[in-house]
Amino acid sequence: MKPRPSLANHSAAERATAAEAAHAPQSTRRWFAWGQGVMKRTAYSRRHALFIGTALLITAAVITGVRLSSSSPAPVYFHTLPPGARLPAAAECARLVRASPSSESRPVNTRFNRTVGHQVPSAFFPAGDSPQAKKLAPRISGAFTGTTQEILRWAACKWGIDQDVVFAQAAVESWWRQVQFGDWAADPKLCPPGHGIGADGKPGQCPQSYGILQNRYPFEEAAWPGIGTSTAMNADAAYAIWRSCYDGYEIWLNNQPRSRPYHAGDLWGCVGRWFAGNWYTPVAERYIRSVKKYLGARIWLQSSFAQGG
């Protein structure tokens, strides 16, 4: 006869139940034995279910973690780089911009956004600039395609200027439209090829300024036709000029009307110079205020701006 198993390692409730079963009639003991078996199997099933449920939760958490970790990184924000800084290569800027694609807000620009620019000679920068400006000319190419916002970010990265300043200035100049014409004139010598007097809808006049930043043909003849046909070329040339100013190469500004001495490292002074051609004159300061207003409002995120495409 086998010895009875010890109850020492069982709970008080289990020991009491076993004792009660031992003194019960045989038929009753069979019911007790059957009931104990059911209880044990039920407890096992619950522990097993709990284990499986916990495993499933852990697996789901791991899968979710993998999905989160493999999602696209946040877009890189391009800040202003100091005068004389090493500027990123165009290809590196293209890689960073394309890592975080943006949708097209200006379908009217599509053809121009798909058109790349071209190289310019060193004579692109005027003789009045410091000789160091000429080293910037080989960087101008307009060699990028993408959406309008991607092109503006690419130019901001390439020339080391805060991207939101670029967004705001392009809004002031053209509402982000590469098809924009401006600075109409009656002098045929100021008209670029293909845009003679009356050719663009205004009898007796032709536009001097073109594109998303309103680059002015008489001062950027070496960048024609790219500044008119390519959004990337237009922004590339515009912010190459801004960088020349910001790095301190536009020394001729100290020989022009100004309210303070020209010097390197003045972001807003160089923004104003783009429009006025002078350093902190009343016209330049009004333009600076306009760009700052759009910058503060983040106009490119407003519904009214989105409807202007």
Protein backbone atom coordinates (compact mmCIF):
# COMPACT_ATOMS: atom_id res chain seq x y z
CA MET A 1 0.00 0.00 0.00
CA LYS A 2 1.42 3.35 -1.03
CA PRO A 3 1.93 5.90 1.73
CA ARG A 4 -0.38 8.92 1.66
CA PRO A 5 1.29 11.99 0.16
CA SER A 6 2.24 14.65 2.66
CA LEU A 7 0.05 17.80 2.79
CA ALA A 8 2.79 19.95 4.30
CA ASN A 9 3.41 21.92 1.10
CA HIS A 10 -0.27 22.55 0.39
CA SER A 11 -2.33 25.53 1.44
CA ALA A 12 -4.57 25.47 4.49
CA ALA A 13 -7.64 25.37 2.28
CA GLU A 14 -6.27 22.39 0.35
CA ARG A 15 -5.42 20.55 3.57
CA ALA A 16 -8.91 21.18 4.99
CA THR A 17 -10.56 19.97 1.81
CA ALA A 18 -8.45 16.81 1.81
CA ALA A 19 -9.25 16.09 5.44
CA GLU A 20 -12.96 16.50 4.84
CA ALA A 21 -12.75 14.13 1.89
CA ALA A 22 -10.94 11.49 3.95
CA HIS A 23 -13.87 11.23 6.42
CA ALA A 24 -16.62 11.33 3.84
CA PRO A 25 -18.39 8.26 2.40
CA GLN A 26 -16.70 6.54 -0.52
CA SER A 27 -19.12 7.92 -3.09
CA THR A 28 -18.72 11.36 -1.64
CA ARG A 29 -14.95 10.97 -1.64
CA ARG A 30 -15.12 10.18 -5.36
CA TRP A 31 -16.95 13.48 -5.86
CA PHE A 32 -14.35 15.25 -3.75
CA ALA A 33 -11.56 13.64 -5.76
CA TRP A 34 -13.25 14.58 -9.02
CA GLY A 35 -13.84 18.15 -7.77
CA GLN A 36 -10.19 18.51 -6.70
CA GLY A 37 -9.07 17.39 -10.14
CA VAL A 38 -11.32 19.95 -11.81
CA MET A 39 -10.02 22.69 -9.50
CA LYS A 40 -6.41 21.77 -10.23
CA ARG A 41 -7.05 21.68 -13.99
CA THR A 42 -8.91 25.00 -13.80
CA ALA A 43 -6.03 26.61 -11.88
CA TYR A 44 -3.56 25.26 -14.41
CA SER A 45 -5.66 26.53 -17.32
CA ARG A 46 -5.84 29.98 -15.74
CA ARG A 47 -2.08 30.09 -15.17
CA HIS A 48 -1.51 28.89 -18.74
CA ALA A 49 -3.87 31.52 -20.15
CA LEU A 50 -2.20 34.21 -18.07
CA PHE A 51 1.21 33.14 -19.39
CA ILE A 52 0.00 33.18 -23.01
CA GLY A 53 -1.69 36.56 -22.54
CA THR A 54 1.46 38.07 -21.04
CA ALA A 55 3.56 36.68 -23.90
CA LEU A 56 1.18 38.18 -26.46
CA LEU A 57 1.35 41.58 -24.77
CA ILE A 58 5.15 41.49 -24.73
CA THR A 59 5.23 40.46 -28.40
CA ALA A 60 2.85 43.29 -29.35
CA ALA A 61 4.99 45.79 -27.44
CA VAL A 62 8.14 44.59 -29.21
CA ILE A 63 6.48 44.82 -32.64
CA THR A 64 5.19 48.30 -31.85
CA GLY A 65 8.65 49.33 -30.70
CA VAL A 66 10.19 48.09 -33.92
CA ARG A 67 7.63 50.00 -35.95
CA LEU A 68 8.24 53.19 -34.00
CA SER A 69 12.00 52.89 -34.25
CA SER A 70 11.83 52.32 -38.00
CA SER A 71 9.59 55.33 -38.70
CA SER A 72 10.94 58.35 -40.59
CA PRO A 73 13.10 60.72 -38.52
CA ALA A 74 11.97 64.24 -37.79
CA PRO A 75 12.91 66.71 -40.55
CA VAL A 76 16.26 68.44 -40.12
CA TYR A 77 15.87 72.15 -39.42
CA PHE A 78 18.38 74.30 -41.29
CA HIS A 79 19.75 77.16 -39.21
CA THR A 80 21.95 80.10 -40.18
CA LEU A 81 25.65 79.24 -40.29
CA PRO A 82 28.17 81.90 -39.21
CA PRO A 83 30.24 83.95 -41.68
CA GLY A 84 33.04 81.91 -43.20
CA ALA A 85 31.50 78.58 -42.12
CA ARG A 86 32.05 75.48 -44.21
CA LEU A 87 28.86 75.18 -46.23
CA PRO A 88 27.21 71.80 -46.90
CA ALA A 89 27.54 70.29 -50.36
CA ALA A 90 24.51 70.42 -52.64
CA ALA A 91 24.27 66.61 -52.66
CA GLU A 92 24.32 66.43 -48.87
CA CYS A 93 21.53 69.02 -48.67
CA ALA A 94 19.53 67.06 -51.23
CA ARG A 95 19.90 63.90 -49.13
CA LEU A 96 18.78 65.66 -45.94
CA VAL A 97 15.79 67.31 -47.62
CA ARG A 98 14.62 64.14 -49.35
CA ALA A 99 14.81 62.19 -46.10
CA SER A 100 11.69 64.14 -45.03
CA PRO A 101 9.57 64.74 -48.16
CA SER A 102 6.97 67.53 -48.24
CA SER A 103 3.88 67.84 -50.37
CA GLU A 104 3.46 70.37 -53.17
CA SER A 105 1.63 73.54 -52.15
CA ARG A 106 2.15 75.29 -55.51
CA PRO A 107 1.15 73.05 -58.43
CA VAL A 108 1.71 76.03 -60.73
CA ASN A 109 5.45 75.57 -60.09
CA THR A 110 5.57 71.93 -61.17
CA ARG A 111 7.30 72.46 -64.52
CA PHE A 112 9.84 74.85 -63.01
CA ASN A 113 10.44 72.57 -60.02
CA ARG A 114 11.36 69.74 -62.37
CA THR A 115 13.87 71.87 -64.28
CA VAL A 116 17.46 72.10 -63.06
CA GLY A 117 19.68 75.13 -63.51
CA HIS A 118 23.21 75.61 -64.79
CA GLN A 119 26.65 76.81 -63.73
CA VAL A 120 27.56 80.49 -63.73
CA PRO A 121 30.91 82.21 -64.36
CA SER A 122 32.81 83.92 -61.55
CA ALA A 123 31.71 87.21 -63.09
CA PHE A 124 28.27 86.50 -61.66
CA PHE A 125 29.44 88.52 -58.63
CA PRO A 126 30.08 92.20 -59.40
CA ALA A 127 33.54 93.75 -59.54
CA GLY A 128 32.77 95.80 -56.44
CA ASP A 129 32.64 92.68 -54.27
CA SER A 130 35.64 91.45 -52.34
CA PRO A 131 37.60 88.93 -54.48
CA GLN A 132 36.55 86.15 -52.07
CA ALA A 133 33.02 86.30 -53.44
CA LYS A 134 34.14 84.63 -56.64
CA LYS A 135 34.80 81.38 -54.76
CA LEU A 136 31.05 81.07 -54.25
CA ALA A 137 30.23 81.08 -57.97
CA PRO A 138 31.12 77.40 -58.66
CA ARG A 139 28.59 76.34 -56.03
CA ILE A 140 25.68 77.82 -58.00
CA SER A 141 24.03 75.19 -60.18
CA GLY A 142 20.32 74.86 -59.44
CA ALA A 143 20.93 71.09 -59.51
CA PHE A 144 17.90 69.95 -57.53
CA THR A 145 14.31 68.95 -58.21
CA GLY A 146 11.47 68.52 -55.76
CA THR A 147 8.43 70.27 -54.36
CA THR A 148 8.51 74.02 -53.81
CA GLN A 149 9.12 73.70 -50.09
CA GLU A 150 11.83 71.10 -50.63
CA ILE A 151 13.62 73.43 -53.07
CA LEU A 152 13.53 76.29 -50.58
CA ARG A 153 14.86 74.03 -47.81
CA TRP A 154 17.62 72.81 -50.14
CA ALA A 155 18.71 76.39 -50.84
CA ALA A 156 18.58 77.24 -47.11
CA CYS A 157 20.77 74.24 -46.32
CA LYS A 158 23.20 74.90 -49.16
CA TRP A 159 23.81 78.55 -48.29
CA GLY A 160 23.51 78.33 -44.52
CA ILE A 161 20.49 80.54 -43.89
CA ASP A 162 17.57 79.85 -41.55
CA GLN A 163 14.92 77.99 -43.55
CA ASP A 164 12.00 79.91 -42.04
CA VAL A 165 13.58 83.19 -43.13
CA VAL A 166 13.73 81.73 -46.64
CA PHE A 167 10.08 80.67 -46.46
CA ALA A 168 9.02 84.15 -45.29
CA GLN A 169 11.11 86.04 -47.83
CA ALA A 170 9.86 83.91 -50.72
CA ALA A 171 6.30 84.61 -49.55
CA VAL A 172 6.93 88.36 -49.58
CA GLU A 173 8.53 88.23 -53.02
CA SER A 174 6.14 85.96 -54.89
CA TRP A 175 3.82 84.04 -52.57
CA TRP A 176 6.07 81.10 -53.52
CA ARG A 177 5.25 81.35 -57.25
CA GLN A 178 8.04 80.77 -59.75
CA VAL A 179 5.77 82.19 -62.47
CA GLN A 180 5.84 85.63 -60.85
CA PHE A 181 7.04 88.63 -62.91
CA GLY A 182 7.99 91.99 -61.42
CA ASP A 183 9.82 95.31 -61.81
CA TRP A 184 8.32 96.11 -65.18
CA ALA A 185 10.27 98.56 -67.34
CA ALA A 186 10.02 100.19 -70.74
CA ASP A 187 13.73 100.03 -71.59
CA PRO A 188 14.31 97.11 -74.00
CA LYS A 189 17.92 96.84 -72.86
CA LEU A 190 16.61 95.59 -69.49
CA CYS A 191 14.55 92.78 -71.06
CA PRO A 192 16.01 89.26 -71.10
CA PRO A 193 15.90 87.11 -74.25
CA GLY A 194 12.40 85.88 -74.95
CA HIS A 195 10.78 88.60 -72.85
CA GLY A 196 10.85 91.65 -75.09
CA ILE A 197 8.66 94.70 -74.75
CA GLY A 198 5.02 93.65 -74.56
CA ALA A 199 5.75 89.90 -74.72
CA ASP A 200 4.44 89.16 -71.23
CA GLY A 201 1.11 90.94 -71.32
CA LYS A 202 1.94 94.57 -70.54
CA PRO A 203 2.11 96.75 -73.64
CA GLY A 204 5.28 98.83 -73.80
CA GLN A 205 6.95 97.01 -70.89
CA CYS A 206 8.90 93.90 -69.95
CA PRO A 207 9.56 92.34 -66.54
CA GLN A 208 13.05 92.67 -65.06
CA SER A 209 12.46 90.36 -62.06
CA TYR A 210 11.58 86.67 -62.25
CA GLY A 211 10.64 83.76 -60.12
CA ILE A 212 10.14 82.77 -56.54
CA LEU A 213 12.71 85.26 -55.14
CA GLN A 214 12.23 87.85 -57.91
CA ASN A 215 15.83 87.71 -59.13
CA ARG A 216 16.52 90.75 -61.26
CA TYR A 217 17.83 90.00 -64.73
CA PRO A 218 19.97 93.16 -65.25
CA PHE A 219 22.00 92.23 -62.14
CA GLU A 220 22.06 88.45 -62.71
CA GLU A 221 22.44 88.17 -66.44
CA ALA A 222 25.01 85.38 -65.99
CA ALA A 223 22.31 83.25 -64.31
CA TRP A 224 19.85 83.56 -67.19
CA PRO A 225 17.85 81.61 -68.31
CA GLY A 226 17.98 79.44 -65.19
CA ILE A 227 16.59 82.03 -62.79
CA GLY A 228 13.49 82.19 -64.98
CA THR A 229 13.03 78.54 -65.90
CA SER A 230 14.13 76.71 -62.74
CA THR A 231 12.86 77.25 -59.19
CA ALA A 232 16.03 75.68 -57.80
CA MET A 233 18.28 77.94 -59.88
CA ASN A 234 16.32 80.99 -58.80
CA ALA A 235 16.69 80.19 -55.08
CA ASP A 236 20.29 79.02 -55.52
CA ALA A 237 21.40 82.28 -57.11
CA ALA A 238 19.43 84.43 -54.66
CA TYR A 239 20.95 82.89 -51.55
CA ALA A 240 24.44 82.79 -53.05
CA ILE A 241 24.12 86.59 -53.18
CA TRP A 242 22.79 86.63 -49.62
CA ARG A 243 25.79 84.55 -48.47
CA SER A 244 28.23 86.88 -50.24
CA CYS A 245 26.68 89.76 -48.30
CA TYR A 246 26.56 87.82 -45.02
CA ASP A 247 30.20 86.73 -45.29
CA GLY A 248 31.25 90.37 -45.65
CA TYR A 249 32.18 90.34 -49.33
CA GLU A 250 29.86 93.12 -50.52
CA ILE A 251 32.21 95.90 -49.45
CA TRP A 252 30.71 98.27 -52.02
CA LEU A 253 27.72 98.68 -49.67
CA ASN A 254 29.83 101.06 -47.58
CA ASN A 255 29.98 103.38 -50.60
CA GLN A 256 26.18 103.47 -50.97
CA PRO A 257 23.47 105.27 -48.96
CA ARG A 258 23.25 103.62 -45.54
CA SER A 259 22.25 104.38 -41.97
CA ARG A 260 25.06 102.31 -40.44
CA PRO A 261 28.33 100.69 -41.57
CA TYR A 262 28.09 97.46 -43.53
CA HIS A 263 29.68 94.43 -41.87
CA ALA A 264 29.62 90.64 -42.04
CA GLY A 265 27.20 88.54 -40.02
CA ASP A 266 24.05 90.67 -40.26
CA LEU A 267 21.31 88.34 -41.48
CA TRP A 268 18.60 91.00 -41.65
CA GLY A 269 20.80 93.65 -43.18
CA CYS A 270 21.50 91.26 -46.06
CA VAL A 271 17.79 90.44 -46.41
CA GLY A 272 17.05 94.17 -46.74
CA ARG A 273 19.89 94.65 -49.18
CA TRP A 274 18.28 92.05 -51.49
CA PHE A 275 15.33 94.36 -52.09
CA ALA A 276 16.81 97.84 -51.67
CA GLY A 277 20.33 97.37 -52.99
CA ASN A 278 21.49 99.42 -50.00
CA TRP A 279 22.32 98.90 -46.34
CA TYR A 280 19.61 99.78 -43.81
CA THR A 281 17.99 102.54 -45.80
CA PRO A 282 14.30 103.28 -45.12
CA VAL A 283 13.31 101.12 -48.11
CA ALA A 284 15.46 98.24 -46.84
CA GLU A 285 14.03 98.54 -43.35
CA ARG A 286 10.44 98.44 -44.61
CA TYR A 287 11.25 95.28 -46.52
CA ILE A 288 12.88 93.72 -43.47
CA ARG A 289 9.73 94.45 -41.45
CA SER A 290 7.60 92.78 -44.12
CA VAL A 291 9.68 89.62 -44.05
CA LYS A 292 9.72 89.57 -40.24
CA LYS A 293 5.93 89.95 -40.21
CA TYR A 294 5.48 86.88 -42.39
CA LEU A 295 8.11 85.04 -40.38
CA GLY A 296 6.32 85.79 -37.10
CA ALA A 297 2.98 84.69 -38.54
CA ARG A 298 4.55 81.61 -40.20
CA ILE A 299 2.49 82.64 -43.17
CA TRP A 300 3.34 79.52 -45.19
CA LEU A 301 1.29 77.46 -42.69
CA GLN A 302 -1.84 79.64 -42.93
CA SER A 303 -4.89 78.50 -44.88
CA SER A 304 -4.90 81.72 -46.89
CA PHE A 305 -1.40 80.93 -48.12
CA ALA A 306 -2.29 77.34 -49.03
CA GLN A 307 -5.09 78.64 -51.24
CA GLY A 308 -2.68 80.75 -53.28
CA GLY A 309 -1.32 77.87 -55.33
